[in-house]
């Protein structure tokens, strides 16, 4: 079943609860933007509907779009039963990004949603254990937000390091200086000055 055929069946079932049209970018998979309030029900239908049977959630990602004041959450679905893939997206208010958890639909969502909560700040309503998964519980901010600013450390511990490129340049400079210091020095010969010629008319 093609993405367009899947889109048609979703639209037949859910009508205006989904976006007006399937989006097919020049690169990447086609995707359908779903109303956040309908997401969990649409996902349950995609999992259980004969011919769809999307029995696996492969990935969940979130992308920050500060200029649009939105966060887009992307769900990559796969059906092992009928060997097809599909992509859903929801668009959330950046100031208060909330959407229902799909953990009740696919248990693989548990840690995937926790990661997007941790790094982007999306709140998944109904998640059974929504807490940070990569950073400490008292970490301030969400590092994958475009406007995130490093605080310069965590409880006295540094969390930055020099650029690898800068470190390589410094290492090259040390090696060049050592090579110059170890290079054999050319021997300096004493300068022999020619004897001055006697002035014309002078007695020898």
C-alpha atoms as a PDB file:
ATOM      1  CA  UNK A   1       0.000   0.000   0.000  1.00  0.00           C
ATOM      2  CA  UNK A   2       1.408   3.383  -0.992  1.00  0.00           C
ATOM      3  CA  UNK A   3       1.530   6.409   1.343  1.00  0.00           C
ATOM      4  CA  UNK A   4      -1.214   8.018  -0.771  1.00  0.00           C
ATOM      5  CA  UNK A   5      -3.463   4.982  -0.303  1.00  0.00           C
ATOM      6  CA  UNK A   6      -2.817   4.968   3.457  1.00  0.00           C
ATOM      7  CA  UNK A   7      -3.579   8.695   3.551  1.00  0.00           C
ATOM      8  CA  UNK A   8      -6.856   8.137   1.673  1.00  0.00           C
ATOM      9  CA  UNK A   9      -7.998   5.488   4.142  1.00  0.00           C
ATOM     10  CA  UNK A  10      -7.075   7.664   7.130  1.00  0.00           C
ATOM     11  CA  UNK A  11      -8.959  10.585   5.616  1.00  0.00           C
ATOM     12  CA  UNK A  12     -11.990   8.429   4.906  1.00  0.00           C
ATOM     13  CA  UNK A  13     -12.056   7.355   8.546  1.00  0.00           C
ATOM     14  CA  UNK A  14     -11.066  10.571  10.329  1.00  0.00           C
ATOM     15  CA  UNK A  15     -11.987  13.407   7.980  1.00  0.00           C
ATOM     16  CA  UNK A  16     -10.970  16.877   9.175  1.00  0.00           C
ATOM     17  CA  UNK A  17      -9.074  15.535  12.187  1.00  0.00           C
ATOM     18  CA  UNK A  18      -6.076  15.182   9.910  1.00  0.00           C
ATOM     19  CA  UNK A  19      -4.274  17.678   7.683  1.00  0.00           C
ATOM     20  CA  UNK A  20      -5.700  18.596   4.259  1.00  0.00           C
ATOM     21  CA  UNK A  21      -3.133  16.664   2.235  1.00  0.00           C
ATOM     22  CA  UNK A  22      -0.292  14.201   2.373  1.00  0.00           C
ATOM     23  CA  UNK A  23       3.103  15.930   2.147  1.00  0.00           C
ATOM     24  CA  UNK A  24       5.725  14.438  -0.160  1.00  0.00           C
ATOM     25  CA  UNK A  25       9.063  16.242   0.269  1.00  0.00           C
ATOM     26  CA  UNK A  26      11.714  16.141  -2.449  1.00  0.00           C
ATOM     27  CA  UNK A  27      13.860  14.084  -0.107  1.00  0.00           C
ATOM     28  CA  UNK A  28      12.658  11.653   2.526  1.00  0.00           C
ATOM     29  CA  UNK A  29       9.419   9.865   3.273  1.00  0.00           C
ATOM     30  CA  UNK A  30       5.918  11.188   2.715  1.00  0.00           C
ATOM     31  CA  UNK A  31       4.174  12.220   5.926  1.00  0.00           C
ATOM     32  CA  UNK A  32       0.772  13.199   7.233  1.00  0.00           C
ATOM     33  CA  UNK A  33       0.270  15.947   9.829  1.00  0.00           C
ATOM     34  CA  UNK A  34      -2.360  14.917  12.377  1.00  0.00           C
ATOM     35  CA  UNK A  35      -4.342  17.091  14.760  1.00  0.00           C
ATOM     36  CA  UNK A  36      -2.668  16.502  18.180  1.00  0.00           C
ATOM     37  CA  UNK A  37      -6.040  15.827  19.830  1.00  0.00           C
ATOM     38  CA  UNK A  38      -6.673  12.941  17.425  1.00  0.00           C
ATOM     39  CA  UNK A  39      -3.181  11.422  17.479  1.00  0.00           C
ATOM     40  CA  UNK A  40      -3.692   8.540  19.903  1.00  0.00           C
ATOM     41  CA  UNK A  41      -6.969   7.394  18.318  1.00  0.00           C
ATOM     42  CA  UNK A  42      -5.478   7.575  14.830  1.00  0.00           C
ATOM     43  CA  UNK A  43      -2.489   5.527  16.019  1.00  0.00           C
ATOM     44  CA  UNK A  44      -4.732   2.887  17.607  1.00  0.00           C
ATOM     45  CA  UNK A  45      -6.649   2.616  14.333  1.00  0.00           C
ATOM     46  CA  UNK A  46      -3.424   2.323  12.309  1.00  0.00           C
ATOM     47  CA  UNK A  47      -2.265  -0.466  14.603  1.00  0.00           C
ATOM     48  CA  UNK A  48      -5.503  -2.482  14.588  1.00  0.00           C
ATOM     49  CA  UNK A  49      -7.121  -1.823  11.217  1.00  0.00           C
ATOM     50  CA  UNK A  50      -6.864  -4.790   8.788  1.00  0.00           C
ATOM     51  CA  UNK A  51      -4.540  -3.946   5.937  1.00  0.00           C
ATOM     52  CA  UNK A  52      -2.754  -1.309   8.050  1.00  0.00           C
ATOM     53  CA  UNK A  53      -1.450  -3.243  11.054  1.00  0.00           C
ATOM     54  CA  UNK A  54       1.304  -0.808  12.011  1.00  0.00           C
ATOM     55  CA  UNK A  55       2.538  -2.976  14.842  1.00  0.00           C
ATOM     56  CA  UNK A  56       5.817  -1.139  15.521  1.00  0.00           C
ATOM     57  CA  UNK A  57       6.803   2.402  16.434  1.00  0.00           C
ATOM     58  CA  UNK A  58      10.376   2.680  15.197  1.00  0.00           C
ATOM     59  CA  UNK A  59      11.254   6.211  16.308  1.00  0.00           C
ATOM     60  CA  UNK A  60       9.958   9.459  17.784  1.00  0.00           C
ATOM     61  CA  UNK A  61      11.776  12.749  17.180  1.00  0.00           C
ATOM     62  CA  UNK A  62      11.000  16.386  17.918  1.00  0.00           C
ATOM     63  CA  UNK A  63      12.264  19.458  16.059  1.00  0.00           C
ATOM     64  CA  UNK A  64      12.209  23.037  17.302  1.00  0.00           C
ATOM     65  CA  UNK A  65      11.037  25.818  14.951  1.00  0.00           C
ATOM     66  CA  UNK A  66      11.307  29.017  17.012  1.00  0.00           C
ATOM     67  CA  UNK A  67      10.471  31.362  14.107  1.00  0.00           C
ATOM     68  CA  UNK A  68       7.196  29.519  13.564  1.00  0.00           C
ATOM     69  CA  UNK A  69       6.666  29.158  17.342  1.00  0.00           C
ATOM     70  CA  UNK A  70       6.138  25.430  16.846  1.00  0.00           C
ATOM     71  CA  UNK A  71       7.622  22.103  17.783  1.00  0.00           C
ATOM     72  CA  UNK A  72       6.997  19.247  15.371  1.00  0.00           C
ATOM     73  CA  UNK A  73       6.955  15.691  16.715  1.00  0.00           C
ATOM     74  CA  UNK A  74       7.525  12.927  14.166  1.00  0.00           C
ATOM     75  CA  UNK A  75       6.452   9.287  14.505  1.00  0.00           C
ATOM     76  CA  UNK A  76       7.983   6.619  12.249  1.00  0.00           C
ATOM     77  CA  UNK A  77       5.658   3.625  11.988  1.00  0.00           C
ATOM     78  CA  UNK A  78       6.303   0.199  10.518  1.00  0.00           C
ATOM     79  CA  UNK A  79       4.105  -2.778   9.778  1.00  0.00           C
ATOM     80  CA  UNK A  80       5.898  -6.104   9.879  1.00  0.00           C
ATOM     81  CA  UNK A  81       2.636  -7.819   8.969  1.00  0.00           C
ATOM     82  CA  UNK A  82       2.140  -6.108   5.600  1.00  0.00           C
ATOM     83  CA  UNK A  83       5.687  -4.741   5.116  1.00  0.00           C
ATOM     84  CA  UNK A  84       5.017  -1.013   4.914  1.00  0.00           C
ATOM     85  CA  UNK A  85       6.124   2.189   6.617  1.00  0.00           C
ATOM     86  CA  UNK A  86       4.399   5.484   7.288  1.00  0.00           C
ATOM     87  CA  UNK A  87       5.212   8.787   8.981  1.00  0.00           C
ATOM     88  CA  UNK A  88       2.906  10.904  11.136  1.00  0.00           C
ATOM     89  CA  UNK A  89       3.632  14.365  12.512  1.00  0.00           C
ATOM     90  CA  UNK A  90       1.968  16.685  14.990  1.00  0.00           C
ATOM     91  CA  UNK A  91       2.591  20.416  15.358  1.00  0.00           C
ATOM     92  CA  UNK A  92       2.598  21.819  18.902  1.00  0.00           C
ATOM     93  CA  UNK A  93       2.638  25.263  20.455  1.00  0.00           C
ATOM     94  CA  UNK A  94       6.283  25.951  21.303  1.00  0.00           C
ATOM     95  CA  UNK A  95       5.358  27.742  24.539  1.00  0.00           C
ATOM     96  CA  UNK A  96       3.381  24.749  25.823  1.00  0.00           C
ATOM     97  CA  UNK A  97       4.134  21.649  23.707  1.00  0.00           C
ATOM     98  CA  UNK A  98       1.769  18.902  24.852  1.00  0.00           C
ATOM     99  CA  UNK A  99       0.351  15.837  23.126  1.00  0.00           C
ATOM    100  CA  UNK A 100      -1.065  12.491  24.270  1.00  0.00           C
ATOM    101  CA  UNK A 101       1.478   9.730  24.813  1.00  0.00           C
ATOM    102  CA  UNK A 102       1.314   6.776  22.435  1.00  0.00           C
ATOM    103  CA  UNK A 103       2.798   4.478  25.081  1.00  0.00           C
ATOM    104  CA  UNK A 104      -0.626   2.783  25.420  1.00  0.00           C
ATOM    105  CA  UNK A 105      -0.419   1.978  21.702  1.00  0.00           C
ATOM    106  CA  UNK A 106       3.231   0.952  21.366  1.00  0.00           C
ATOM    107  CA  UNK A 107       5.411   0.302  24.440  1.00  0.00           C
ATOM    108  CA  UNK A 108       8.476   1.337  22.438  1.00  0.00           C
ATOM    109  CA  UNK A 109       7.211   4.916  22.842  1.00  0.00           C
ATOM    110  CA  UNK A 110       8.146   4.954  26.531  1.00  0.00           C
ATOM    111  CA  UNK A 111      11.843   5.821  26.311  1.00  0.00           C
ATOM    112  CA  UNK A 112      11.501   7.554  22.931  1.00  0.00           C
ATOM    113  CA  UNK A 113       9.043  10.063  24.387  1.00  0.00           C
ATOM    114  CA  UNK A 114      11.172  10.511  27.498  1.00  0.00           C
ATOM    115  CA  UNK A 115      14.102  11.517  25.286  1.00  0.00           C
ATOM    116  CA  UNK A 116      12.058  14.218  23.529  1.00  0.00           C
ATOM    117  CA  UNK A 117      10.747  15.431  26.887  1.00  0.00           C
ATOM    118  CA  UNK A 118      14.326  15.641  28.166  1.00  0.00           C
ATOM    119  CA  UNK A 119      15.996  17.298  25.165  1.00  0.00           C
ATOM    120  CA  UNK A 120      13.177  19.350  23.580  1.00  0.00           C
ATOM    121  CA  UNK A 121      10.669  19.795  26.396  1.00  0.00           C
ATOM    122  CA  UNK A 122       7.619  18.077  24.878  1.00  0.00           C
ATOM    123  CA  UNK A 123       5.130  16.892  27.523  1.00  0.00           C
ATOM    124  CA  UNK A 124       3.433  13.590  26.630  1.00  0.00           C
ATOM    125  CA  UNK A 125       0.147  13.437  28.491  1.00  0.00           C
ATOM    126  CA  UNK A 126      -0.621  10.074  30.059  1.00  0.00           C
ATOM    127  CA  UNK A 127       2.963   8.812  29.875  1.00  0.00           C
ATOM    128  CA  UNK A 128       3.475   6.390  32.787  1.00  0.00           C
ATOM    129  CA  UNK A 129       6.938   7.668  33.763  1.00  0.00           C
ATOM    130  CA  UNK A 130       7.678  11.014  32.134  1.00  0.00           C
ATOM    131  CA  UNK A 131      11.076  12.120  33.435  1.00  0.00           C
ATOM    132  CA  UNK A 132      14.499  12.909  32.029  1.00  0.00           C
ATOM    133  CA  UNK A 133      16.370   9.989  30.530  1.00  0.00           C
ATOM    134  CA  UNK A 134      19.744  11.452  29.478  1.00  0.00           C
ATOM    135  CA  UNK A 135      20.273  14.465  31.764  1.00  0.00           C
ATOM    136  CA  UNK A 136      19.960  14.794  35.564  1.00  0.00           C
ATOM    137  CA  UNK A 137      16.507  15.534  36.970  1.00  0.00           C
ATOM    138  CA  UNK A 138      17.512  19.046  38.052  1.00  0.00           C
ATOM    139  CA  UNK A 139      19.075  20.040  34.728  1.00  0.00           C
ATOM    140  CA  UNK A 140      17.853  23.449  33.587  1.00  0.00           C
ATOM    141  CA  UNK A 141      16.526  23.756  30.048  1.00  0.00           C
ATOM    142  CA  UNK A 142      16.290  21.499  27.018  1.00  0.00           C
ATOM    143  CA  UNK A 143      19.521  21.286  24.978  1.00  0.00           C
ATOM    144  CA  UNK A 144      17.936  20.670  21.569  1.00  0.00           C
ATOM    145  CA  UNK A 145      15.912  23.863  21.666  1.00  0.00           C
ATOM    146  CA  UNK A 146      17.399  26.316  19.165  1.00  0.00           C
ATOM    147  CA  UNK A 147      17.653  29.058  21.800  1.00  0.00           C
ATOM    148  CA  UNK A 148      19.289  26.870  24.468  1.00  0.00           C
ATOM    149  CA  UNK A 149      22.218  28.518  26.248  1.00  0.00           C
ATOM    150  CA  UNK A 150      24.944  26.575  28.071  1.00  0.00           C
ATOM    151  CA  UNK A 151      24.954  27.376  31.773  1.00  0.00           C
ATOM    152  CA  UNK A 152      28.703  26.791  31.959  1.00  0.00           C
ATOM    153  CA  UNK A 153      28.640  23.771  34.227  1.00  0.00           C
ATOM    154  CA  UNK A 154      26.624  21.547  36.531  1.00  0.00           C
ATOM    155  CA  UNK A 155      27.129  21.702  40.318  1.00  0.00           C
ATOM    156  CA  UNK A 156      30.709  22.848  39.875  1.00  0.00           C
ATOM    157  CA  UNK A 157      31.510  20.345  37.111  1.00  0.00           C
ATOM    158  CA  UNK A 158      32.417  21.674  33.685  1.00  0.00           C
ATOM    159  CA  UNK A 159      30.297  20.525  30.775  1.00  0.00           C
ATOM    160  CA  UNK A 160      32.228  22.020  27.883  1.00  0.00           C
ATOM    161  CA  UNK A 161      35.502  21.088  26.227  1.00  0.00           C
ATOM    162  CA  UNK A 162      37.827  22.716  23.697  1.00  0.00           C
ATOM    163  CA  UNK A 163      37.029  22.305  20.056  1.00  0.00           C
ATOM    164  CA  UNK A 164      38.663  19.203  18.576  1.00  0.00           C
ATOM    165  CA  UNK A 165      39.837  21.302  15.629  1.00  0.00           C
ATOM    166  CA  UNK A 166      41.512  23.820  17.974  1.00  0.00           C
ATOM    167  CA  UNK A 167      43.204  20.952  19.828  1.00  0.00           C
ATOM    168  CA  UNK A 168      44.560  19.510  16.552  1.00  0.00           C
ATOM    169  CA  UNK A 169      45.936  22.906  15.485  1.00  0.00           C
ATOM    170  CA  UNK A 170      47.653  23.291  18.877  1.00  0.00           C
ATOM    171  CA  UNK A 171      49.150  19.790  18.570  1.00  0.00           C
ATOM    172  CA  UNK A 172      50.468  20.579  15.072  1.00  0.00           C
ATOM    173  CA  UNK A 173      52.084  23.784  16.364  1.00  0.00           C
ATOM    174  CA  UNK A 174      53.876  21.848  19.139  1.00  0.00           C
ATOM    175  CA  UNK A 175      55.163  19.276  16.621  1.00  0.00           C
ATOM    176  CA  UNK A 176      56.406  21.995  14.247  1.00  0.00           C
ATOM    177  CA  UNK A 177      58.216  23.798  17.069  1.00  0.00           C
ATOM    178  CA  UNK A 178      59.886  20.543  18.185  1.00  0.00           C
ATOM    179  CA  UNK A 179      60.905  19.708  14.615  1.00  0.00           C
ATOM    180  CA  UNK A 180      62.501  23.138  14.229  1.00  0.00           C
ATOM    181  CA  UNK A 181      64.321  22.787  17.566  1.00  0.00           C
ATOM    182  CA  UNK A 182      65.649  19.311  16.631  1.00  0.00           C
ATOM    183  CA  UNK A 183      66.736  20.265  13.101  1.00  0.00           C
ATOM    184  CA  UNK A 184      70.551  20.400  12.576  1.00  0.00           C
ATOM    185  CA  UNK A 185      71.924  23.923  12.642  1.00  0.00           C
ATOM    186  CA  UNK A 186      73.978  25.031   9.614  1.00  0.00           C
ATOM    187  CA  UNK A 187      77.677  25.649  10.336  1.00  0.00           C
ATOM    188  CA  UNK A 188      78.624  29.314  10.241  1.00  0.00           C
ATOM    189  CA  UNK A 189      81.977  30.024   8.463  1.00  0.00           C
ATOM    190  CA  UNK A 190      84.107  32.970   9.512  1.00  0.00           C
ATOM    191  CA  UNK A 191      83.864  35.775   7.029  1.00  0.00           C
ATOM    192  CA  UNK A 192      87.235  36.421   5.282  1.00  0.00           C
ATOM    193  CA  UNK A 193      87.644  40.067   4.414  1.00  0.00           C
ATOM    194  CA  UNK A 194      89.853  40.870   1.405  1.00  0.00           C
ATOM    195  CA  UNK A 195      92.957  42.966   2.129  1.00  0.00           C
ATOM    196  CA  UNK A 196      92.512  46.578   1.115  1.00  0.00           C
ATOM    197  CA  UNK A 197      94.226  47.559  -2.157  1.00  0.00           C
ATOM    198  CA  UNK A 198      96.883  50.272  -1.851  1.00  0.00           C
ATOM    199  CA  UNK A 199      95.826  53.653  -3.141  1.00  0.00           C
ATOM    200  CA  UNK A 200      97.071  54.642  -6.579  1.00  0.00           C
ATOM    201  CA  UNK A 201     100.446  56.452  -6.429  1.00  0.00           C
ATOM    202  CA  UNK A 202     101.209  55.162  -2.974  1.00  0.00           C
ATOM    203  CA  UNK A 203     104.658  53.700  -2.378  1.00  0.00           C
ATOM    204  CA  UNK A 204     104.774  49.977  -1.798  1.00  0.00           C
END
